[in-house]
N, C-alpha and C. Protein backbone atom coordinates (compact mmCIF):
# COMPACT_ATOMS: atom_id res chain seq x y z
N UNK A 1 165.89 54.67 129.53
CA UNK A 1 166.63 54.09 130.63
C UNK A 1 165.99 54.43 131.96
N UNK A 2 165.43 55.68 132.09
CA UNK A 2 164.80 56.06 133.34
C UNK A 2 163.58 55.19 133.62
N UNK A 3 162.86 54.81 132.55
CA UNK A 3 161.68 53.96 132.74
C UNK A 3 162.06 52.62 133.34
N UNK A 4 163.15 52.06 132.86
CA UNK A 4 163.63 50.79 133.40
C UNK A 4 164.04 50.95 134.86
N UNK A 5 164.72 52.04 135.16
CA UNK A 5 165.10 52.31 136.54
C UNK A 5 163.90 52.48 137.45
N UNK A 6 162.87 53.20 136.97
CA UNK A 6 161.65 53.37 137.76
C UNK A 6 160.95 52.04 137.97
N UNK A 7 160.97 51.19 136.98
CA UNK A 7 160.37 49.86 137.11
C UNK A 7 161.12 49.03 138.15
N UNK A 8 162.43 49.04 138.09
CA UNK A 8 163.24 48.27 139.04
C UNK A 8 163.07 48.81 140.46
N UNK A 9 163.13 50.12 140.61
CA UNK A 9 162.97 50.72 141.95
C UNK A 9 161.57 50.44 142.49
N UNK A 10 160.56 50.51 141.63
CA UNK A 10 159.21 50.17 142.07
C UNK A 10 159.10 48.73 142.52
N UNK A 11 159.72 47.83 141.79
CA UNK A 11 159.71 46.41 142.17
C UNK A 11 160.43 46.17 143.49
N UNK A 12 161.57 46.83 143.67
CA UNK A 12 162.30 46.69 144.93
C UNK A 12 161.51 47.26 146.10
N UNK A 13 160.84 48.39 145.87
CA UNK A 13 160.02 49.00 146.92
C UNK A 13 158.86 48.09 147.29
N UNK A 14 158.19 47.53 146.28
CA UNK A 14 157.09 46.61 146.55
C UNK A 14 157.56 45.39 147.32
N UNK A 15 158.71 44.87 146.97
CA UNK A 15 159.28 43.73 147.70
C UNK A 15 159.58 44.12 149.14
N UNK A 16 160.11 45.32 149.35
CA UNK A 16 160.41 45.78 150.70
C UNK A 16 159.12 45.92 151.53
N UNK A 17 158.11 46.54 150.92
CA UNK A 17 156.85 46.77 151.65
C UNK A 17 156.09 45.48 151.93
N UNK A 18 156.29 44.46 151.10
CA UNK A 18 155.59 43.19 151.34
C UNK A 18 156.36 42.32 152.33
N UNK A 19 157.36 42.90 152.97
CA UNK A 19 158.19 42.23 153.98
C UNK A 19 159.01 41.09 153.40
N UNK A 20 159.26 41.12 152.10
CA UNK A 20 160.16 40.15 151.47
C UNK A 20 159.71 38.71 151.58
N UNK A 21 158.42 38.48 151.76
CA UNK A 21 157.91 37.11 151.91
C UNK A 21 158.00 36.32 150.62
N UNK A 22 157.55 35.07 150.68
CA UNK A 22 157.59 34.25 149.48
C UNK A 22 156.59 34.77 148.46
N UNK A 23 156.77 34.36 147.24
CA UNK A 23 155.93 34.87 146.16
C UNK A 23 154.51 34.31 146.31
N UNK A 24 153.56 35.22 146.38
CA UNK A 24 152.15 34.88 146.40
C UNK A 24 151.37 36.05 145.80
N UNK A 25 150.05 35.93 145.84
CA UNK A 25 149.23 36.97 145.20
C UNK A 25 149.38 38.32 145.89
N UNK A 26 149.47 38.31 147.21
CA UNK A 26 149.56 39.58 147.94
C UNK A 26 150.88 40.28 147.65
N UNK A 27 151.97 39.52 147.64
CA UNK A 27 153.27 40.11 147.33
C UNK A 27 153.28 40.66 145.91
N UNK A 28 152.71 39.92 144.98
CA UNK A 28 152.63 40.39 143.60
C UNK A 28 151.83 41.68 143.51
N UNK A 29 150.76 41.77 144.28
CA UNK A 29 149.95 42.98 144.30
C UNK A 29 150.74 44.16 144.87
N UNK A 30 151.51 43.93 145.93
CA UNK A 30 152.36 44.97 146.48
C UNK A 30 153.35 45.48 145.44
N UNK A 31 154.00 44.55 144.77
CA UNK A 31 155.00 44.93 143.78
C UNK A 31 154.34 45.70 142.64
N UNK A 32 153.19 45.25 142.18
CA UNK A 32 152.47 45.93 141.10
C UNK A 32 152.08 47.34 141.51
N UNK A 33 151.53 47.50 142.71
CA UNK A 33 151.15 48.83 143.18
C UNK A 33 152.36 49.75 143.29
N UNK A 34 153.46 49.23 143.84
CA UNK A 34 154.66 50.05 143.98
C UNK A 34 155.23 50.45 142.61
N UNK A 35 155.16 49.54 141.64
CA UNK A 35 155.64 49.87 140.29
C UNK A 35 154.77 50.97 139.67
N UNK A 36 153.46 50.88 139.83
CA UNK A 36 152.56 51.90 139.28
C UNK A 36 152.84 53.25 139.92
N UNK A 37 153.00 53.28 141.26
CA UNK A 37 153.28 54.54 141.95
C UNK A 37 154.65 55.07 141.54
N UNK A 38 155.63 54.19 141.43
CA UNK A 38 156.97 54.60 141.01
C UNK A 38 156.94 55.21 139.61
N UNK A 39 156.19 54.60 138.72
CA UNK A 39 156.08 55.14 137.36
C UNK A 39 155.34 56.49 137.36
N UNK A 40 154.36 56.64 138.24
CA UNK A 40 153.66 57.92 138.36
C UNK A 40 154.58 59.02 138.85
N UNK A 41 155.37 58.72 139.87
CA UNK A 41 156.34 59.70 140.39
C UNK A 41 157.37 60.01 139.30
N UNK A 42 157.79 58.98 138.59
CA UNK A 42 158.74 59.17 137.48
C UNK A 42 158.16 60.14 136.45
N UNK A 43 156.89 59.94 136.09
CA UNK A 43 156.26 60.81 135.09
C UNK A 43 156.19 62.25 135.56
N UNK A 44 155.86 62.46 136.83
CA UNK A 44 155.82 63.82 137.38
C UNK A 44 157.20 64.46 137.31
N UNK A 45 158.22 63.70 137.72
CA UNK A 45 159.58 64.25 137.74
C UNK A 45 160.12 64.52 136.34
N UNK A 46 159.81 63.65 135.39
CA UNK A 46 160.25 63.87 134.01
C UNK A 46 159.58 65.12 133.45
N UNK A 47 158.31 65.31 133.77
CA UNK A 47 157.57 66.47 133.29
C UNK A 47 158.11 67.77 133.90
N UNK A 48 158.49 67.74 135.17
CA UNK A 48 158.91 68.94 135.87
C UNK A 48 160.38 69.31 135.68
N UNK A 49 161.26 68.33 135.49
CA UNK A 49 162.69 68.61 135.49
C UNK A 49 163.32 68.15 134.18
N UNK A 50 164.04 69.08 133.56
CA UNK A 50 164.69 68.73 132.30
C UNK A 50 166.10 68.19 132.51
N UNK A 51 166.77 68.64 133.57
CA UNK A 51 168.13 68.14 133.79
C UNK A 51 168.10 66.85 134.60
N UNK A 52 169.03 65.98 134.33
CA UNK A 52 169.08 64.63 134.93
C UNK A 52 169.32 64.67 136.43
N UNK A 53 170.12 65.63 136.90
CA UNK A 53 170.44 65.69 138.32
C UNK A 53 169.19 65.99 139.14
N UNK A 54 168.44 67.02 138.76
CA UNK A 54 167.22 67.36 139.49
C UNK A 54 166.21 66.22 139.43
N UNK A 55 166.06 65.63 138.25
CA UNK A 55 165.16 64.49 138.11
C UNK A 55 165.54 63.38 139.08
N UNK A 56 166.81 63.02 139.08
CA UNK A 56 167.28 61.91 139.91
C UNK A 56 167.03 62.18 141.39
N UNK A 57 167.39 63.37 141.84
CA UNK A 57 167.24 63.70 143.25
C UNK A 57 165.78 63.72 143.66
N UNK A 58 164.94 64.39 142.88
CA UNK A 58 163.53 64.47 143.24
C UNK A 58 162.84 63.11 143.13
N UNK A 59 163.20 62.33 142.14
CA UNK A 59 162.58 61.00 142.00
C UNK A 59 162.95 60.10 143.17
N UNK A 60 164.25 60.01 143.46
CA UNK A 60 164.69 59.11 144.53
C UNK A 60 164.15 59.54 145.89
N UNK A 61 164.18 60.83 146.19
CA UNK A 61 163.65 61.27 147.49
C UNK A 61 162.15 61.10 147.57
N UNK A 62 161.44 61.26 146.46
CA UNK A 62 159.99 61.06 146.48
C UNK A 62 159.62 59.61 146.77
N UNK A 63 160.29 58.69 146.10
CA UNK A 63 160.02 57.27 146.35
C UNK A 63 160.41 56.90 147.77
N UNK A 64 161.52 57.42 148.23
CA UNK A 64 161.97 57.15 149.60
C UNK A 64 160.97 57.69 150.61
N UNK A 65 160.51 58.92 150.42
CA UNK A 65 159.53 59.51 151.34
C UNK A 65 158.20 58.77 151.32
N UNK A 66 157.76 58.37 150.14
CA UNK A 66 156.50 57.62 150.06
C UNK A 66 156.61 56.27 150.78
N UNK A 67 157.75 55.61 150.63
CA UNK A 67 157.95 54.32 151.29
C UNK A 67 158.02 54.49 152.80
N UNK A 68 158.80 55.46 153.26
CA UNK A 68 158.89 55.72 154.70
C UNK A 68 157.53 56.17 155.24
N UNK A 69 156.83 57.00 154.47
CA UNK A 69 155.52 57.47 154.90
C UNK A 69 154.52 56.34 155.05
N UNK A 70 154.55 55.38 154.15
CA UNK A 70 153.63 54.25 154.25
C UNK A 70 153.96 53.41 155.49
N UNK A 71 155.25 53.15 155.70
CA UNK A 71 155.64 52.38 156.89
C UNK A 71 155.25 53.13 158.17
N UNK A 72 155.41 54.45 158.18
CA UNK A 72 155.03 55.24 159.35
C UNK A 72 153.52 55.19 159.55
N UNK A 73 152.77 55.24 158.48
CA UNK A 73 151.31 55.16 158.57
C UNK A 73 150.86 53.82 159.14
N UNK A 74 151.45 52.74 158.65
CA UNK A 74 151.03 51.40 159.09
C UNK A 74 151.50 51.04 160.50
N UNK A 75 152.71 51.45 160.85
CA UNK A 75 153.32 50.97 162.09
C UNK A 75 153.62 52.07 163.10
N UNK A 76 153.36 53.34 162.75
CA UNK A 76 153.74 54.49 163.57
C UNK A 76 155.22 54.41 163.96
N UNK A 77 156.03 54.00 162.99
CA UNK A 77 157.45 53.81 163.20
C UNK A 77 158.19 54.13 161.90
N UNK A 78 159.23 54.93 162.01
CA UNK A 78 160.04 55.27 160.85
C UNK A 78 161.15 54.23 160.72
N UNK A 79 161.22 53.54 159.58
CA UNK A 79 162.25 52.50 159.41
C UNK A 79 163.65 53.11 159.27
N UNK A 80 164.49 52.80 160.23
CA UNK A 80 165.83 53.38 160.25
C UNK A 80 166.70 52.86 159.11
N UNK A 81 166.40 51.67 158.60
CA UNK A 81 167.20 51.17 157.47
C UNK A 81 167.04 52.07 156.25
N UNK A 82 165.84 52.58 156.02
CA UNK A 82 165.63 53.49 154.89
C UNK A 82 166.26 54.86 155.15
N UNK A 83 166.26 55.29 156.41
CA UNK A 83 166.92 56.56 156.75
C UNK A 83 168.43 56.44 156.49
N UNK A 84 169.01 55.30 156.85
CA UNK A 84 170.44 55.09 156.63
C UNK A 84 170.75 55.05 155.14
N UNK A 85 169.93 54.33 154.37
CA UNK A 85 170.13 54.26 152.91
C UNK A 85 170.03 55.67 152.31
N UNK A 86 169.01 56.41 152.71
CA UNK A 86 168.86 57.78 152.20
C UNK A 86 169.99 58.68 152.63
N UNK A 87 170.47 58.53 153.86
CA UNK A 87 171.58 59.34 154.34
C UNK A 87 172.87 59.08 153.58
N UNK A 88 173.16 57.80 153.35
CA UNK A 88 174.36 57.45 152.58
C UNK A 88 174.25 57.98 151.16
N UNK A 89 173.07 57.81 150.55
CA UNK A 89 172.86 58.32 149.20
C UNK A 89 172.99 59.84 149.17
N UNK A 90 172.42 60.52 150.16
CA UNK A 90 172.52 61.98 150.22
C UNK A 90 173.95 62.46 150.40
N UNK A 91 174.70 61.79 151.26
CA UNK A 91 176.11 62.16 151.44
C UNK A 91 176.89 61.97 150.15
N UNK A 92 176.68 60.83 149.51
CA UNK A 92 177.39 60.55 148.26
C UNK A 92 177.06 61.59 147.19
N UNK A 93 175.77 61.88 147.01
CA UNK A 93 175.37 62.85 145.98
C UNK A 93 175.86 64.25 146.31
N UNK A 94 175.86 64.62 147.59
CA UNK A 94 176.36 65.94 147.97
C UNK A 94 177.83 66.10 147.69
N UNK A 95 178.58 65.03 147.82
CA UNK A 95 180.02 65.11 147.61
C UNK A 95 180.42 64.95 146.14
N UNK A 96 179.53 64.40 145.32
CA UNK A 96 179.90 64.16 143.91
C UNK A 96 179.19 65.09 142.92
N UNK A 97 178.05 65.63 143.28
CA UNK A 97 177.31 66.49 142.35
C UNK A 97 177.45 67.95 142.76
N UNK A 98 178.00 68.78 141.91
CA UNK A 98 178.16 70.19 142.27
C UNK A 98 176.82 70.93 142.35
N UNK A 99 175.75 70.38 141.78
CA UNK A 99 174.45 71.06 141.81
C UNK A 99 173.86 71.09 143.22
N UNK A 100 174.22 70.12 144.05
CA UNK A 100 173.75 70.12 145.42
C UNK A 100 174.62 71.04 146.26
N UNK A 101 174.18 71.34 147.44
CA UNK A 101 174.88 72.31 148.27
C UNK A 101 176.16 71.82 148.93
N UNK A 102 176.42 70.52 148.91
CA UNK A 102 177.63 69.99 149.53
C UNK A 102 177.62 70.17 151.04
N UNK A 103 178.63 70.87 151.55
CA UNK A 103 178.76 71.05 152.99
C UNK A 103 177.62 71.87 153.58
N UNK A 104 177.08 72.78 152.81
CA UNK A 104 175.97 73.60 153.31
C UNK A 104 174.77 72.70 153.61
N UNK A 105 174.46 71.77 152.72
CA UNK A 105 173.36 70.85 152.97
C UNK A 105 173.64 69.94 154.16
N UNK A 106 174.89 69.53 154.31
CA UNK A 106 175.26 68.69 155.44
C UNK A 106 175.06 69.43 156.75
N UNK A 107 175.48 70.68 156.81
CA UNK A 107 175.30 71.50 158.02
C UNK A 107 173.81 71.72 158.27
N UNK A 108 173.06 71.99 157.22
CA UNK A 108 171.62 72.20 157.38
C UNK A 108 170.93 70.94 157.89
N UNK A 109 171.37 69.77 157.44
CA UNK A 109 170.80 68.51 157.93
C UNK A 109 171.12 68.30 159.40
N UNK A 110 172.36 68.61 159.79
CA UNK A 110 172.74 68.45 161.20
C UNK A 110 171.98 69.41 162.10
N UNK A 111 171.83 70.67 161.68
CA UNK A 111 171.08 71.65 162.48
C UNK A 111 169.62 71.22 162.59
N UNK A 112 169.05 70.76 161.49
CA UNK A 112 167.66 70.28 161.51
C UNK A 112 167.51 69.11 162.47
N UNK A 113 168.44 68.18 162.42
CA UNK A 113 168.38 67.02 163.31
C UNK A 113 168.50 67.43 164.76
N UNK A 114 169.40 68.35 165.06
CA UNK A 114 169.56 68.81 166.45
C UNK A 114 168.32 69.54 166.95
N UNK A 115 167.80 70.47 166.15
CA UNK A 115 166.63 71.23 166.58
C UNK A 115 165.39 70.36 166.72
N UNK A 116 165.12 69.55 165.71
CA UNK A 116 163.92 68.72 165.78
C UNK A 116 164.08 67.55 166.75
N UNK A 117 165.32 67.09 166.94
CA UNK A 117 165.56 66.07 167.97
C UNK A 117 165.28 66.63 169.35
N UNK A 118 165.70 67.88 169.59
CA UNK A 118 165.39 68.54 170.86
C UNK A 118 163.88 68.73 171.02
N UNK A 119 163.21 69.13 169.95
CA UNK A 119 161.75 69.26 169.99
C UNK A 119 161.08 67.93 170.32
N UNK A 120 161.61 66.85 169.77
CA UNK A 120 161.07 65.53 170.05
C UNK A 120 161.20 65.19 171.53
N UNK A 121 162.35 65.50 172.11
CA UNK A 121 162.56 65.23 173.54
C UNK A 121 161.66 66.11 174.40
N UNK A 122 161.55 67.38 174.04
CA UNK A 122 160.73 68.32 174.81
C UNK A 122 159.25 67.93 174.75
N UNK A 123 158.79 67.53 173.56
CA UNK A 123 157.37 67.20 173.38
C UNK A 123 157.03 65.79 173.84
N UNK A 124 158.02 65.04 174.33
CA UNK A 124 157.84 63.68 174.83
C UNK A 124 157.13 62.79 173.81
N UNK A 125 157.57 62.85 172.60
CA UNK A 125 157.04 61.98 171.56
C UNK A 125 155.91 62.59 170.75
N UNK A 126 155.51 63.83 171.08
CA UNK A 126 154.48 64.49 170.27
C UNK A 126 154.98 64.69 168.84
N UNK A 127 156.25 65.00 168.76
CA UNK A 127 156.94 65.03 167.46
C UNK A 127 158.00 63.96 167.57
N UNK A 128 157.90 62.93 166.76
CA UNK A 128 158.74 61.76 166.91
C UNK A 128 160.18 61.96 166.48
N UNK A 129 161.06 61.14 167.02
CA UNK A 129 162.47 61.18 166.62
C UNK A 129 162.62 60.78 165.15
N UNK A 130 161.81 59.84 164.71
CA UNK A 130 161.87 59.42 163.31
C UNK A 130 161.53 60.56 162.38
N UNK A 131 160.58 61.41 162.79
CA UNK A 131 160.23 62.57 161.98
C UNK A 131 161.41 63.53 161.88
N UNK A 132 162.17 63.66 162.97
CA UNK A 132 163.36 64.52 162.95
C UNK A 132 164.40 63.96 161.98
N UNK A 133 164.55 62.63 161.97
CA UNK A 133 165.50 62.02 161.03
C UNK A 133 165.06 62.25 159.57
N UNK A 134 163.77 62.14 159.33
CA UNK A 134 163.27 62.34 157.96
C UNK A 134 163.48 63.78 157.51
N UNK A 135 163.20 64.73 158.39
CA UNK A 135 163.40 66.13 158.02
C UNK A 135 164.89 66.43 157.81
N UNK A 136 165.75 65.83 158.62
CA UNK A 136 167.20 66.00 158.42
C UNK A 136 167.63 65.40 157.09
N UNK A 137 167.04 64.27 156.73
CA UNK A 137 167.32 63.65 155.44
C UNK A 137 166.93 64.58 154.29
N UNK A 138 165.78 65.21 154.43
CA UNK A 138 165.35 66.19 153.42
C UNK A 138 166.34 67.35 153.36
N UNK A 139 166.79 67.81 154.52
CA UNK A 139 167.78 68.89 154.56
C UNK A 139 169.07 68.51 153.88
N UNK A 140 169.44 67.24 153.96
CA UNK A 140 170.66 66.76 153.32
C UNK A 140 170.57 66.87 151.80
N UNK A 141 169.38 66.64 151.26
CA UNK A 141 169.20 66.71 149.81
C UNK A 141 168.90 68.12 149.31
N UNK A 142 168.12 68.89 150.07
CA UNK A 142 167.59 70.15 149.52
C UNK A 142 168.01 71.41 150.27
N UNK A 143 168.54 71.29 151.46
CA UNK A 143 168.95 72.47 152.20
C UNK A 143 167.89 72.96 153.19
N UNK A 144 168.29 73.93 153.98
CA UNK A 144 167.47 74.41 155.09
C UNK A 144 166.19 75.12 154.68
N UNK A 145 166.24 75.92 153.64
CA UNK A 145 165.04 76.67 153.23
C UNK A 145 163.93 75.72 152.79
N UNK A 146 164.29 74.68 152.06
CA UNK A 146 163.30 73.70 151.63
C UNK A 146 162.71 72.97 152.82
N UNK A 147 163.55 72.68 153.83
CA UNK A 147 163.06 72.02 155.04
C UNK A 147 162.01 72.89 155.73
N UNK A 148 162.27 74.20 155.81
CA UNK A 148 161.31 75.11 156.43
C UNK A 148 159.98 75.14 155.68
N UNK A 149 160.06 75.29 154.37
CA UNK A 149 158.84 75.34 153.56
C UNK A 149 158.09 74.02 153.63
N UNK A 150 158.81 72.92 153.49
CA UNK A 150 158.19 71.60 153.54
C UNK A 150 157.57 71.33 154.91
N UNK A 151 158.29 71.69 155.96
CA UNK A 151 157.78 71.49 157.31
C UNK A 151 156.50 72.27 157.57
N UNK A 152 156.47 73.51 157.12
CA UNK A 152 155.25 74.33 157.31
C UNK A 152 154.08 73.75 156.52
N UNK A 153 154.32 73.33 155.29
CA UNK A 153 153.24 72.74 154.50
C UNK A 153 152.75 71.44 155.14
N UNK A 154 153.66 70.61 155.62
CA UNK A 154 153.27 69.35 156.24
C UNK A 154 152.50 69.61 157.53
N UNK A 155 152.90 70.63 158.30
CA UNK A 155 152.15 70.98 159.51
C UNK A 155 150.74 71.45 159.19
N UNK A 156 150.61 72.26 158.16
CA UNK A 156 149.28 72.73 157.76
C UNK A 156 148.41 71.56 157.31
N UNK A 157 148.99 70.67 156.48
CA UNK A 157 148.23 69.51 156.01
C UNK A 157 147.81 68.61 157.18
N UNK A 158 148.73 68.35 158.11
CA UNK A 158 148.38 67.49 159.24
C UNK A 158 147.37 68.17 160.16
N UNK A 159 147.46 69.49 160.29
CA UNK A 159 146.49 70.23 161.10
C UNK A 159 145.09 70.15 160.52
N UNK A 160 144.99 70.34 159.21
CA UNK A 160 143.67 70.25 158.56
C UNK A 160 143.12 68.83 158.68
N UNK A 161 143.97 67.83 158.47
CA UNK A 161 143.54 66.44 158.59
C UNK A 161 143.09 66.13 160.02
N UNK A 162 143.85 66.60 161.00
CA UNK A 162 143.50 66.38 162.40
C UNK A 162 142.18 67.03 162.75
N UNK A 163 141.98 68.23 162.25
CA UNK A 163 140.73 68.94 162.51
C UNK A 163 139.54 68.18 161.92
N UNK A 164 139.70 67.67 160.71
CA UNK A 164 138.63 66.88 160.08
C UNK A 164 138.36 65.62 160.89
N UNK A 165 139.42 64.95 161.35
CA UNK A 165 139.23 63.74 162.17
C UNK A 165 138.54 64.06 163.48
N UNK A 166 138.88 65.19 164.10
CA UNK A 166 138.22 65.59 165.34
C UNK A 166 136.75 65.91 165.13
N UNK A 167 136.46 66.61 164.05
CA UNK A 167 135.07 66.99 163.77
C UNK A 167 134.20 65.75 163.55
N UNK A 168 134.72 64.77 162.83
CA UNK A 168 133.94 63.56 162.54
C UNK A 168 134.09 62.47 163.60
N UNK A 169 134.78 62.77 164.69
CA UNK A 169 134.89 61.83 165.80
C UNK A 169 135.78 60.63 165.54
N UNK A 170 136.65 60.72 164.59
CA UNK A 170 137.55 59.60 164.27
C UNK A 170 138.81 59.63 165.13
N UNK A 171 139.03 60.72 165.85
CA UNK A 171 140.21 60.85 166.69
C UNK A 171 139.90 61.79 167.84
N UNK A 172 140.75 61.76 168.86
CA UNK A 172 140.65 62.73 169.93
C UNK A 172 141.98 63.45 170.07
N UNK A 173 142.10 64.30 171.09
CA UNK A 173 143.31 65.10 171.23
C UNK A 173 144.55 64.28 171.51
N UNK A 174 144.39 63.09 172.01
CA UNK A 174 145.54 62.26 172.36
C UNK A 174 145.91 61.25 171.28
N UNK A 175 145.17 61.23 170.19
CA UNK A 175 145.45 60.30 169.10
C UNK A 175 146.76 60.67 168.42
N UNK A 176 147.63 59.67 168.27
CA UNK A 176 148.90 59.89 167.58
C UNK A 176 148.70 59.73 166.07
N UNK A 177 149.19 60.69 165.33
CA UNK A 177 149.14 60.61 163.87
C UNK A 177 150.55 60.52 163.32
N UNK A 178 150.75 59.70 162.31
CA UNK A 178 152.08 59.67 161.67
C UNK A 178 152.27 60.97 160.89
N UNK A 179 153.48 61.52 160.96
CA UNK A 179 153.75 62.80 160.31
C UNK A 179 154.41 62.64 158.95
N UNK A 180 155.13 61.55 158.74
CA UNK A 180 155.87 61.39 157.48
C UNK A 180 154.95 61.35 156.25
N UNK A 181 153.74 60.75 156.33
CA UNK A 181 152.87 60.83 155.15
C UNK A 181 152.56 62.27 154.74
N UNK A 182 152.44 63.16 155.71
CA UNK A 182 152.18 64.56 155.39
C UNK A 182 153.43 65.22 154.79
N UNK A 183 154.61 64.81 155.26
CA UNK A 183 155.85 65.31 154.66
C UNK A 183 155.94 64.86 153.20
N UNK A 184 155.60 63.59 152.96
CA UNK A 184 155.64 63.06 151.58
C UNK A 184 154.63 63.79 150.70
N UNK A 185 153.42 64.02 151.23
CA UNK A 185 152.39 64.72 150.45
C UNK A 185 152.82 66.15 150.14
N UNK A 186 153.40 66.83 151.13
CA UNK A 186 153.86 68.20 150.91
C UNK A 186 154.99 68.23 149.88
N UNK A 187 155.88 67.24 149.94
CA UNK A 187 156.98 67.15 148.98
C UNK A 187 156.45 66.97 147.56
N UNK A 188 155.50 66.05 147.39
CA UNK A 188 154.92 65.85 146.05
C UNK A 188 154.17 67.08 145.57
N UNK A 189 153.51 67.78 146.49
CA UNK A 189 152.82 69.02 146.13
C UNK A 189 153.81 70.06 145.66
N UNK A 190 154.95 70.19 146.36
CA UNK A 190 155.96 71.18 145.97
C UNK A 190 156.60 70.82 144.62
N UNK A 191 156.71 69.54 144.34
CA UNK A 191 157.22 69.16 143.02
C UNK A 191 156.22 69.55 141.94
N UNK A 192 154.95 69.30 142.20
CA UNK A 192 153.92 69.54 141.21
C UNK A 192 153.75 71.01 140.90
N UNK A 193 153.92 71.86 141.93
CA UNK A 193 153.67 73.30 141.76
C UNK A 193 154.83 73.98 141.08
């Protein structure tokens, strides 16, 4: 049953990323790529988690982060529709599944949003508001400690990437980099480890 769900979610993600246009070769390619990636994430989650709740949460947040990360990479913009979908899903799961933290995760998400939202305002866009929403979304699913670990790993990954880009002359100090792809990469790394 999970395989069918991963196939359907991959197809829906591919349709979303292809901007919902009419059926053509490019849209079919988007859907195919998203299905392959969705099945890969599914395989990682099935291998790592034996209980259905952990599998479901890690699978859904991984696909959500990868989709948001790709949109952030292409457009330097975090799609708020996906943040809202993830937020509603996170609220629902927190209130119905005892394995999640419930109110503790909700408070951790709000604190994360307030702190990183303030950082976004102070840095004048150096750290984007969309990034604050994504980190708060992660806090809603996993709690504050995971947000700290994930944030530090994503910062290290983005720092190394930025340094490589500076060394090879592909960027300068004022070049804006999307941060959500690094959050998604750090999340997948933490699942794998």
